[in-house]
Amino acid sequence: SLEWPLDGPFWQSRTPDPTEIDLPFLSCANWGGMG
């Protein structure tokens, strides 16, 4: 993470694109999970 302080290919290759997710899902969030 220290080697890559800006967003770019390193991070994008490890981050799914939610606009490409089209199967059924139940997303469960926590009001206190910030961070």
Full PDB file with SEQRES, HELIX, SHEET, SSBOND, CRYST1, ORIGX, SCALE, CONECT and MASTER records, all heavy atoms in Angstrom:
SEQRES   1 A   35  SER LEU GLU TRP PRO LEU ASP GLY PRO PHE TRP GLN SER          
SEQRES   2 A   35  ARG THR PRO ASP PRO THR GLU ILE ASP LEU PRO PHE LEU          
SEQRES   3 A   35  SER CYS ALA ASN TRP GLY GLY MET GLY                          
HELIX    1 AA1 PRO A    9  GLN A   12  1                                   4    
HELIX    2 AA2 PRO A   18  GLU A   20  5                                   3    
CRYST1    1.000    1.000    1.000  90.00  90.00  90.00 P 1           1          
ORIGX1      1.000000  0.000000  0.000000        0.00000                         
ORIGX2      0.000000  1.000000  0.000000        0.00000                         
ORIGX3      0.000000  0.000000  1.000000        0.00000                         
SCALE1      1.000000  0.000000  0.000000        0.00000                         
SCALE2      0.000000  1.000000  0.000000        0.00000                         
SCALE3      0.000000  0.000000  1.000000        0.00000                         
ATOM      1  N   SER A   1       0.826  -1.205   0.000  1.00  0.00           N  
ATOM      2  CA  SER A   1       0.000   0.000   0.000  1.00  0.00           C  
ATOM      3  C   SER A   1       0.861   1.256   0.000  1.00  0.00           C  
ATOM      4  O   SER A   1       0.543   2.244  -0.681  1.00  0.00           O  
ATOM      5  CB  SER A   1      -0.922   0.007   1.235  1.00  0.00           C  
ATOM      6  OG  SER A   1      -1.752  -1.124   1.263  1.00  0.00           O  
ATOM      7  N   LEU A   2       1.952   1.229   0.739  1.00  0.00           N  
ATOM      8  CA  LEU A   2       2.853   2.377   0.775  1.00  0.00           C  
ATOM      9  C   LEU A   2       3.522   2.622  -0.577  1.00  0.00           C  
ATOM     10  O   LEU A   2       3.843   3.751  -0.936  1.00  0.00           O  
ATOM     11  CB  LEU A   2       3.911   2.174   1.858  1.00  0.00           C  
ATOM     12  CG  LEU A   2       3.442   2.443   3.289  1.00  0.00           C  
ATOM     13  CD1 LEU A   2       4.358   1.767   4.295  1.00  0.00           C  
ATOM     14  CD2 LEU A   2       3.377   3.947   3.551  1.00  0.00           C  
ATOM     15  N   GLU A   3       3.712   1.551  -1.332  1.00  0.00           N  
ATOM     16  CA  GLU A   3       4.324   1.677  -2.654  1.00  0.00           C  
ATOM     17  C   GLU A   3       3.359   2.295  -3.665  1.00  0.00           C  
ATOM     18  O   GLU A   3       3.798   2.833  -4.688  1.00  0.00           O  
ATOM     19  CB  GLU A   3       4.767   0.305  -3.160  1.00  0.00           C  
ATOM     20  CG  GLU A   3       5.889  -0.339  -2.360  1.00  0.00           C  
ATOM     21  CD  GLU A   3       6.184  -1.746  -2.854  1.00  0.00           C  
ATOM     22  OE1 GLU A   3       5.801  -2.060  -4.011  1.00  0.00           O  
ATOM     23  OE2 GLU A   3       6.777  -2.524  -2.089  1.00  0.00           O  
ATOM     24  N   TRP A   4       2.058   2.201  -3.407  1.00  0.00           N  
ATOM     25  CA  TRP A   4       1.049   2.654  -4.356  1.00  0.00           C  
ATOM     26  C   TRP A   4       0.094   3.626  -3.659  1.00  0.00           C  
ATOM     27  O   TRP A   4      -1.063   3.291  -3.382  1.00  0.00           O  
ATOM     28  CB  TRP A   4       0.286   1.464  -4.938  1.00  0.00           C  
ATOM     29  CG  TRP A   4       1.172   0.450  -5.590  1.00  0.00           C  
ATOM     30  CD1 TRP A   4       1.629  -0.727  -5.070  1.00  0.00           C  
ATOM     31  CD2 TRP A   4       1.748   0.550  -6.903  1.00  0.00           C  
ATOM     32  NE1 TRP A   4       2.436  -1.368  -5.964  1.00  0.00           N  
ATOM     33  CE2 TRP A   4       2.532  -0.614  -7.113  1.00  0.00           C  
ATOM     34  CE3 TRP A   4       1.664   1.496  -7.941  1.00  0.00           C  
ATOM     35  CZ2 TRP A   4       3.226  -0.839  -8.291  1.00  0.00           C  
ATOM     36  CZ3 TRP A   4       2.354   1.263  -9.102  1.00  0.00           C  
ATOM     37  CH2 TRP A   4       3.116   0.120  -9.282  1.00  0.00           C  
ATOM     38  N   PRO A   5       0.521   4.876  -3.383  1.00  0.00           N  
ATOM     39  CA  PRO A   5      -0.327   5.819  -2.643  1.00  0.00           C  
ATOM     40  C   PRO A   5      -1.469   6.415  -3.458  1.00  0.00           C  
ATOM     41  O   PRO A   5      -2.356   7.052  -2.886  1.00  0.00           O  
ATOM     42  CB  PRO A   5       0.661   6.905  -2.224  1.00  0.00           C  
ATOM     43  CG  PRO A   5       1.733   6.861  -3.272  1.00  0.00           C  
ATOM     44  CD  PRO A   5       1.865   5.415  -3.641  1.00  0.00           C  
ATOM     45  N   LEU A   6      -1.428   6.213  -4.791  1.00  0.00           N  
ATOM     46  CA  LEU A   6      -2.505   6.717  -5.638  1.00  0.00           C  
ATOM     47  C   LEU A   6      -3.251   5.544  -6.267  1.00  0.00           C  
ATOM     48  O   LEU A   6      -2.696   4.459  -6.460  1.00  0.00           O  
ATOM     49  CB  LEU A   6      -1.943   7.615  -6.743  1.00  0.00           C  
ATOM     50  CG  LEU A   6      -1.233   8.890  -6.289  1.00  0.00           C  
ATOM     51  CD1 LEU A   6      -0.641   9.619  -7.492  1.00  0.00           C  
ATOM     52  CD2 LEU A   6      -2.170   9.813  -5.520  1.00  0.00           C  
ATOM     53  N   ASP A   7      -4.512   5.791  -6.599  1.00  0.00           N  
ATOM     54  CA  ASP A   7      -5.290   4.757  -7.273  1.00  0.00           C  
ATOM     55  C   ASP A   7      -4.721   4.534  -8.674  1.00  0.00           C  
ATOM     56  O   ASP A   7      -4.191   5.447  -9.305  1.00  0.00           O  
ATOM     57  CB  ASP A   7      -6.757   5.183  -7.363  1.00  0.00           C  
ATOM     58  CG  ASP A   7      -7.680   4.023  -7.698  1.00  0.00           C  
ATOM     59  OD1 ASP A   7      -7.207   2.865  -7.689  1.00  0.00           O  
ATOM     60  OD2 ASP A   7      -8.861   4.277  -7.965  1.00  0.00           O  
ATOM     61  N   GLY A   8      -4.829   3.297  -9.139  1.00  0.00           N  
ATOM     62  CA  GLY A   8      -4.271   2.959 -10.437  1.00  0.00           C  
ATOM     63  C   GLY A   8      -4.363   1.467 -10.672  1.00  0.00           C  
ATOM     64  O   GLY A   8      -5.122   0.761  -9.992  1.00  0.00           O  
ATOM     65  N   PRO A   9      -3.589   0.931 -11.622  1.00  0.00           N  
ATOM     66  CA  PRO A   9      -3.708  -0.490 -11.997  1.00  0.00           C  
ATOM     67  C   PRO A   9      -3.552  -1.465 -10.833  1.00  0.00           C  
ATOM     68  O   PRO A   9      -4.248  -2.485 -10.784  1.00  0.00           O  
ATOM     69  CB  PRO A   9      -2.590  -0.659 -13.037  1.00  0.00           C  
ATOM     70  CG  PRO A   9      -2.418   0.700 -13.633  1.00  0.00           C  
ATOM     71  CD  PRO A   9      -2.664   1.664 -12.511  1.00  0.00           C  
ATOM     72  N   PHE A  10      -2.622  -1.186  -9.889  1.00  0.00           N  
ATOM     73  CA  PHE A  10      -2.442  -2.108  -8.770  1.00  0.00           C  
ATOM     74  C   PHE A  10      -3.757  -2.293  -8.018  1.00  0.00           C  
ATOM     75  O   PHE A  10      -4.165  -3.426  -7.732  1.00  0.00           O  
ATOM     76  CB  PHE A  10      -1.358  -1.598  -7.818  1.00  0.00           C  
ATOM     77  CG  PHE A  10      -1.194  -2.434  -6.575  1.00  0.00           C  
ATOM     78  CD1 PHE A  10      -0.389  -3.559  -6.587  1.00  0.00           C  
ATOM     79  CD2 PHE A  10      -1.864  -2.109  -5.400  1.00  0.00           C  
ATOM     80  CE1 PHE A  10      -0.252  -4.352  -5.448  1.00  0.00           C  
ATOM     81  CE2 PHE A  10      -1.737  -2.892  -4.261  1.00  0.00           C  
ATOM     82  CZ  PHE A  10      -0.918  -4.010  -4.281  1.00  0.00           C  
ATOM     83  N   TRP A  11      -4.410  -1.205  -7.688  1.00  0.00           N  
ATOM     84  CA  TRP A  11      -5.654  -1.272  -6.911  1.00  0.00           C  
ATOM     85  C   TRP A  11      -6.819  -1.734  -7.764  1.00  0.00           C  
ATOM     86  O   TRP A  11      -7.676  -2.504  -7.303  1.00  0.00           O  
ATOM     87  CB  TRP A  11      -5.944   0.097  -6.304  1.00  0.00           C  
ATOM     88  CG  TRP A  11      -4.865   0.560  -5.382  1.00  0.00           C  
ATOM     89  CD1 TRP A  11      -3.922   1.518  -5.628  1.00  0.00           C  
ATOM     90  CD2 TRP A  11      -4.582   0.059  -4.071  1.00  0.00           C  
ATOM     91  NE1 TRP A  11      -3.072   1.660  -4.558  1.00  0.00           N  
ATOM     92  CE2 TRP A  11      -3.461   0.773  -3.591  1.00  0.00           C  
ATOM     93  CE3 TRP A  11      -5.159  -0.909  -3.264  1.00  0.00           C  
ATOM     94  CZ2 TRP A  11      -2.914   0.534  -2.328  1.00  0.00           C  
ATOM     95  CZ3 TRP A  11      -4.620  -1.146  -2.003  1.00  0.00           C  
ATOM     96  CH2 TRP A  11      -3.512  -0.433  -1.553  1.00  0.00           C  
ATOM     97  N   GLN A  12      -6.885  -1.264  -8.981  1.00  0.00           N  
ATOM     98  CA  GLN A  12      -8.018  -1.612  -9.840  1.00  0.00           C  
ATOM     99  C   GLN A  12      -8.046  -3.105 -10.166  1.00  0.00           C  
ATOM    100  O   GLN A  12      -9.119  -3.682 -10.336  1.00  0.00           O  
ATOM    101  CB  GLN A  12      -7.967  -0.760 -11.098  1.00  0.00           C  
ATOM    102  CG  GLN A  12      -8.251   0.713 -10.806  1.00  0.00           C  
ATOM    103  CD  GLN A  12      -7.788   1.658 -11.897  1.00  0.00           C  
ATOM    104  OE1 GLN A  12      -7.428   1.233 -12.999  1.00  0.00           O  
ATOM    105  NE2 GLN A  12      -7.775   2.949 -11.600  1.00  0.00           N  
ATOM    106  N   SER A  13      -6.867  -3.739 -10.232  1.00  0.00           N  
ATOM    107  CA  SER A  13      -6.828  -5.176 -10.492  1.00  0.00           C  
ATOM    108  C   SER A  13      -7.312  -5.987  -9.293  1.00  0.00           C  
ATOM    109  O   SER A  13      -7.570  -7.185  -9.416  1.00  0.00           O  
ATOM    110  CB  SER A  13      -5.407  -5.608 -10.858  1.00  0.00           C  
ATOM    111  OG  SER A  13      -4.524  -5.515  -9.742  1.00  0.00           O  
ATOM    112  N   ARG A  14      -7.426  -5.337  -8.162  1.00  0.00           N  
ATOM    113  CA  ARG A  14      -7.869  -5.981  -6.928  1.00  0.00           C  
ATOM    114  C   ARG A  14      -9.245  -5.517  -6.488  1.00  0.00           C  
ATOM    115  O   ARG A  14      -9.683  -5.825  -5.376  1.00  0.00           O  
ATOM    116  CB  ARG A  14      -6.837  -5.717  -5.815  1.00  0.00           C  
ATOM    117  CG  ARG A  14      -5.521  -6.444  -6.046  1.00  0.00           C  
ATOM    118  CD  ARG A  14      -4.370  -5.808  -5.288  1.00  0.00           C  
ATOM    119  NE  ARG A  14      -3.182  -6.652  -5.350  1.00  0.00           N  
ATOM    120  CZ  ARG A  14      -2.367  -6.740  -6.400  1.00  0.00           C  
ATOM    121  NH1 ARG A  14      -2.623  -6.028  -7.491  1.00  0.00           N  
ATOM    122  NH2 ARG A  14      -1.313  -7.533  -6.373  1.00  0.00           N  
ATOM    123  N   THR A  15      -9.920  -4.748  -7.343  1.00  0.00           N  
ATOM    124  CA  THR A  15     -11.214  -4.171  -7.010  1.00  0.00           C  
ATOM    125  C   THR A  15     -12.244  -4.561  -8.054  1.00  0.00           C  
ATOM    126  O   THR A  15     -12.095  -4.216  -9.233  1.00  0.00           O  
ATOM    127  CB  THR A  15     -11.113  -2.635  -6.934  1.00  0.00           C  
ATOM    128  OG1 THR A  15     -10.235  -2.272  -5.858  1.00  0.00           O  
ATOM    129  CG2 THR A  15     -12.480  -2.004  -6.703  1.00  0.00           C  
ATOM    130  N   PRO A  16     -13.291  -5.288  -7.664  1.00  0.00           N  
ATOM    131  CA  PRO A  16     -14.332  -5.623  -8.635  1.00  0.00           C  
ATOM    132  C   PRO A  16     -15.133  -4.391  -9.040  1.00  0.00           C  
ATOM    133  O   PRO A  16     -15.227  -3.418  -8.282  1.00  0.00           O  
ATOM    134  CB  PRO A  16     -15.200  -6.637  -7.889  1.00  0.00           C  
ATOM    135  CG  PRO A  16     -14.993  -6.323  -6.449  1.00  0.00           C  
ATOM    136  CD  PRO A  16     -13.566  -5.846  -6.331  1.00  0.00           C  
ATOM    137  N   ASP A  17     -15.699  -4.443 -10.216  1.00  0.00           N  
ATOM    138  CA  ASP A  17     -16.533  -3.353 -10.716  1.00  0.00           C  
ATOM    139  C   ASP A  17     -17.991  -3.706 -10.439  1.00  0.00           C  
ATOM    140  O   ASP A  17     -18.543  -4.621 -11.060  1.00  0.00           O  
ATOM    141  CB  ASP A  17     -16.300  -3.189 -12.218  1.00  0.00           C  
ATOM    142  CG  ASP A  17     -17.132  -2.064 -12.820  1.00  0.00           C  
ATOM    143  OD1 ASP A  17     -17.968  -1.475 -12.101  1.00  0.00           O  
ATOM    144  OD2 ASP A  17     -16.962  -1.782 -14.023  1.00  0.00           O  
ATOM    145  N   PRO A  18     -18.645  -3.003  -9.513  1.00  0.00           N  
ATOM    146  CA  PRO A  18     -20.036  -3.374  -9.178  1.00  0.00           C  
ATOM    147  C   PRO A  18     -20.995  -3.224 -10.351  1.00  0.00           C  
ATOM    148  O   PRO A  18     -22.046  -3.866 -10.367  1.00  0.00           O  
ATOM    149  CB  PRO A  18     -20.393  -2.436  -8.026  1.00  0.00           C  
ATOM    150  CG  PRO A  18     -19.394  -1.330  -8.074  1.00  0.00           C  
ATOM    151  CD  PRO A  18     -18.154  -1.899  -8.670  1.00  0.00           C  
ATOM    152  N   THR A  19     -20.638  -2.404 -11.354  1.00  0.00           N  
ATOM    153  CA  THR A  19     -21.529  -2.274 -12.506  1.00  0.00           C  
ATOM    154  C   THR A  19     -21.517  -3.528 -13.372  1.00  0.00           C  
ATOM    155  O   THR A  19     -22.338  -3.667 -14.282  1.00  0.00           O  
ATOM    156  CB  THR A  19     -21.149  -1.057 -13.369  1.00  0.00           C  
ATOM    157  OG1 THR A  19     -19.859  -1.269 -13.959  1.00  0.00           O  
ATOM    158  CG2 THR A  19     -21.122   0.215 -12.541  1.00  0.00           C  
ATOM    159  N   GLU A  20     -20.596  -4.464 -13.067  1.00  0.00           N  
ATOM    160  CA  GLU A  20     -20.524  -5.731 -13.789  1.00  0.00           C  
ATOM    161  C   GLU A  20     -21.137  -6.885 -12.996  1.00  0.00           C  
ATOM    162  O   GLU A  20     -21.089  -8.036 -13.431  1.00  0.00           O  
ATOM    163  CB  GLU A  20     -19.071  -6.067 -14.126  1.00  0.00           C  
ATOM    164  CG  GLU A  20     -18.405  -5.076 -15.078  1.00  0.00           C  
ATOM    165  CD  GLU A  20     -19.049  -5.088 -16.458  1.00  0.00           C  
ATOM    166  OE1 GLU A  20     -19.436  -6.186 -16.919  1.00  0.00           O  
ATOM    167  OE2 GLU A  20     -19.175  -4.005 -17.062  1.00  0.00           O  
ATOM    168  N   ILE A  21     -21.701  -6.582 -11.829  1.00  0.00           N  
ATOM    169  CA  ILE A  21     -22.288  -7.632 -10.988  1.00  0.00           C  
ATOM    170  C   ILE A  21     -23.791  -7.676 -11.239  1.00  0.00           C  
ATOM    171  O   ILE A  21     -24.517  -6.741 -10.875  1.00  0.00           O  
ATOM    172  CB  ILE A  21     -21.989  -7.366  -9.497  1.00  0.00           C  
ATOM    173  CG1 ILE A  21     -20.470  -7.416  -9.243  1.00  0.00           C  
ATOM    174  CG2 ILE A  21     -22.726  -8.366  -8.611  1.00  0.00           C  
ATOM    175  CD1 ILE A  21     -20.058  -7.027  -7.843  1.00  0.00           C  
ATOM    176  N   ASP A  22     -24.242  -8.753 -11.871  1.00  0.00           N  
ATOM    177  CA  ASP A  22     -25.664  -8.818 -12.218  1.00  0.00           C  
ATOM    178  C   ASP A  22     -26.347 -10.084 -11.723  1.00  0.00           C  
ATOM    179  O   ASP A  22     -27.451 -10.401 -12.144  1.00  0.00           O  
ATOM    180  CB  ASP A  22     -25.844  -8.686 -13.730  1.00  0.00           C  
ATOM    181  CG  ASP A  22     -25.191  -9.822 -14.508  1.00  0.00           C  
ATOM    182  OD1 ASP A  22     -24.553 -10.675 -13.874  1.00  0.00           O  
ATOM    183  OD2 ASP A  22     -25.332  -9.847 -15.752  1.00  0.00           O  
ATOM    184  N   LEU A  23     -25.698 -10.830 -10.811  1.00  0.00           N  
ATOM    185  CA  LEU A  23     -26.376 -11.995 -10.240  1.00  0.00           C  
ATOM    186  C   LEU A  23     -27.097 -11.597  -8.953  1.00  0.00           C  
ATOM    187  O   LEU A  23     -26.890 -10.512  -8.413  1.00  0.00           O  
ATOM    188  CB  LEU A  23     -25.391 -13.135 -10.017  1.00  0.00           C  
ATOM    189  CG  LEU A  23     -24.090 -12.945  -9.223  1.00  0.00           C  
ATOM    190  CD1 LEU A  23     -24.328 -12.587  -7.777  1.00  0.00           C  
ATOM    191  CD2 LEU A  23     -23.261 -14.201  -9.320  1.00  0.00           C  
ATOM    192  N   PRO A  24     -27.973 -12.448  -8.411  1.00  0.00           N  
ATOM    193  CA  PRO A  24     -28.683 -12.123  -7.176  1.00  0.00           C  
ATOM    194  C   PRO A  24     -27.731 -11.976  -5.991  1.00  0.00           C  
ATOM    195  O   PRO A  24     -26.807 -12.780  -5.820  1.00  0.00           O  
ATOM    196  CB  PRO A  24     -29.615 -13.321  -6.974  1.00  0.00           C  
ATOM    197  CG  PRO A  24     -29.778 -13.915  -8.331  1.00  0.00           C  
ATOM    198  CD  PRO A  24     -28.463 -13.715  -9.009  1.00  0.00           C  
ATOM    199  N   PHE A  25     -27.953 -10.939  -5.191  1.00  0.00           N  
ATOM    200  CA  PHE A  25     -27.148 -10.786  -3.982  1.00  0.00           C  
ATOM    201  C   PHE A  25     -27.941 -10.088  -2.886  1.00  0.00           C  
ATOM    202  O   PHE A  25     -28.879  -9.335  -3.158  1.00  0.00           O  
ATOM    203  CB  PHE A  25     -25.832 -10.054  -4.257  1.00  0.00           C  
ATOM    204  CG  PHE A  25     -25.952  -8.600  -4.646  1.00  0.00           C  
ATOM    205  CD1 PHE A  25     -26.131  -7.595  -3.698  1.00  0.00           C  
ATOM    206  CD2 PHE A  25     -25.847  -8.222  -5.978  1.00  0.00           C  
ATOM    207  CE1 PHE A  25     -26.209  -6.257  -4.062  1.00  0.00           C  
ATOM    208  CE2 PHE A  25     -25.924  -6.884  -6.363  1.00  0.00           C  
ATOM    209  CZ  PHE A  25     -26.110  -5.897  -5.402  1.00  0.00           C  
ATOM    210  N   LEU A  26     -27.519 -10.380  -1.671  1.00  0.00           N  
ATOM    211  CA  LEU A  26     -28.019  -9.707  -0.467  1.00  0.00           C  
ATOM    212  C   LEU A  26     -26.823  -9.047   0.184  1.00  0.00           C  
ATOM    213  O   LEU A  26     -25.931  -9.722   0.694  1.00  0.00           O  
ATOM    214  CB  LEU A  26     -28.672 -10.717   0.485  1.00  0.00           C  
ATOM    215  CG  LEU A  26     -29.004 -10.228   1.896  1.00  0.00           C  
ATOM    216  CD1 LEU A  26     -29.991  -9.072   1.864  1.00  0.00           C  
ATOM    217  CD2 LEU A  26     -29.541 -11.382   2.749  1.00  0.00           C  
ATOM    218  N   SER A  27     -26.786  -7.721   0.128  1.00  0.00           N  
ATOM    219  CA  SER A  27     -25.668  -6.951   0.674  1.00  0.00           C  
ATOM    220  C   SER A  27     -26.028  -6.492   2.080  1.00  0.00           C  
ATOM    221  O   SER A  27     -26.994  -5.754   2.265  1.00  0.00           O  
ATOM    222  CB  SER A  27     -25.377  -5.748  -0.231  1.00  0.00           C  
ATOM    223  OG  SER A  27     -24.331  -4.958   0.292  1.00  0.00           O  
ATOM    224  N   CYS A  28     -25.250  -6.932   3.078  1.00  0.00           N  
ATOM    225  CA  CYS A  28     -25.569  -6.656   4.485  1.00  0.00           C  
ATOM    226  C   CYS A  28     -24.519  -5.722   5.075  1.00  0.00           C  
ATOM    227  O   CYS A  28     -23.343  -6.082   5.177  1.00  0.00           O  
ATOM    228  CB  CYS A  28     -25.632  -7.958   5.272  1.00  0.00           C  
ATOM    229  SG  CYS A  28     -26.878  -9.112   4.661  1.00  0.00           S  
ATOM    230  N   ALA A  29     -24.942  -4.535   5.458  1.00  0.00           N  
ATOM    231  CA  ALA A  29     -24.033  -3.498   5.965  1.00  0.00           C  
ATOM    232  C   ALA A  29     -24.235  -3.280   7.457  1.00  0.00           C  
ATOM    233  O   ALA A  29     -25.273  -3.635   8.019  1.00  0.00           O  
ATOM    234  CB  ALA A  29     -24.262  -2.187   5.210  1.00  0.00           C  
ATOM    235  N   ASN A  30     -23.231  -2.662   8.064  1.00  0.00           N  
ATOM    236  CA  ASN A  30     -23.279  -2.312   9.490  1.00  0.00           C  
ATOM    237  C   ASN A  30     -23.162  -0.804   9.618  1.00  0.00           C  
ATOM    238  O   ASN A  30     -22.216  -0.201   9.109  1.00  0.00           O  
ATOM    239  CB  ASN A  30     -22.121  -3.005  10.230  1.00  0.00           C  
ATOM    240  CG  ASN A  30     -22.212  -2.868  11.743  1.00  0.00           C  
ATOM    241  OD1 ASN A  30     -22.659  -1.856  12.274  1.00  0.00           O  
ATOM    242  ND2 ASN A  30     -21.777  -3.895  12.455  1.00  0.00           N  
ATOM    243  N   TRP A  31     -24.142  -0.185  10.308  1.00  0.00           N  
ATOM    244  CA  TRP A  31     -24.090   1.268  10.507  1.00  0.00           C  
ATOM    245  C   TRP A  31     -22.782   1.696  11.173  1.00  0.00           C  
ATOM    246  O   TRP A  31     -22.311   2.812  10.955  1.00  0.00           O  
ATOM    247  CB  TRP A  31     -25.237   1.732  11.390  1.00  0.00           C  
ATOM    248  CG  TRP A  31     -26.622   1.548  10.870  1.00  0.00           C  
ATOM    249  CD1 TRP A  31     -27.632   0.841  11.461  1.00  0.00           C  
ATOM    250  CD2 TRP A  31     -27.200   2.094   9.666  1.00  0.00           C  
ATOM    251  NE1 TRP A  31     -28.791   0.898  10.717  1.00  0.00           N  
ATOM    252  CE2 TRP A  31     -28.558   1.668   9.612  1.00  0.00           C  
ATOM    253  CE3 TRP A  31     -26.703   2.900   8.638  1.00  0.00           C  
ATOM    254  CZ2 TRP A  31     -29.410   2.025   8.564  1.00  0.00           C  
ATOM    255  CZ3 TRP A  31     -27.559   3.253   7.602  1.00  0.00           C  
ATOM    256  CH2 TRP A  31     -28.885   2.825   7.564  1.00  0.00           C  
ATOM    257  N   GLY A  32     -22.203   0.828  11.990  1.00  0.00           N  
ATOM    258  CA  GLY A  32     -21.008   1.189  12.739  1.00  0.00           C  
ATOM    259  C   GLY A  32     -19.723   0.628  12.178  1.00  0.00           C  
ATOM    260  O   GLY A  32     -18.716   0.563  12.872  1.00  0.00           O  
ATOM    261  N   GLY A  33     -19.736   0.205  10.910  1.00  0.00           N  
ATOM    262  CA  GLY A  33     -18.554  -0.433  10.330  1.00  0.00           C  
ATOM    263  C   GLY A  33     -17.616   0.501   9.612  1.00  0.00           C  
ATOM    264  O   GLY A  33     -16.781   0.061   8.826  1.00  0.00           O  
ATOM    265  N   MET A  34     -17.739   1.789   9.838  1.00  0.00           N  
ATOM    266  CA  MET A  34     -16.993   2.782   9.084  1.00  0.00           C  
ATOM    267  C   MET A  34     -15.491   2.496   9.099  1.00  0.00           C  
ATOM    268  O   MET A  34     -14.936   2.027  10.083  1.00  0.00           O  
ATOM    269  CB  MET A  34     -17.263   4.171   9.646  1.00  0.00           C  
ATOM    270  CG  MET A  34     -16.898   4.365  11.097  1.00  0.00           C  
ATOM    271  SD  MET A  34     -17.633   5.850  11.799  1.00  0.00           S  
ATOM    272  CE  MET A  34     -19.335   5.385  11.965  1.00  0.00           C  
ATOM    273  N   GLY A  35     -14.870   2.736   7.980  1.00  0.00           N  
ATOM    274  CA  GLY A  35     -13.424   2.543   7.905  1.00  0.00           C  
ATOM    275  C   GLY A  35     -13.012   1.323   7.132  1.00  0.00           C  
ATOM    276  O   GLY A  35     -11.868   1.215   6.711  1.00  0.00           O  
TER     277      GLY A  35                                                      
MASTER        0    0    0    2    0    0    0    6  276    1    0    3          
END                                                                             
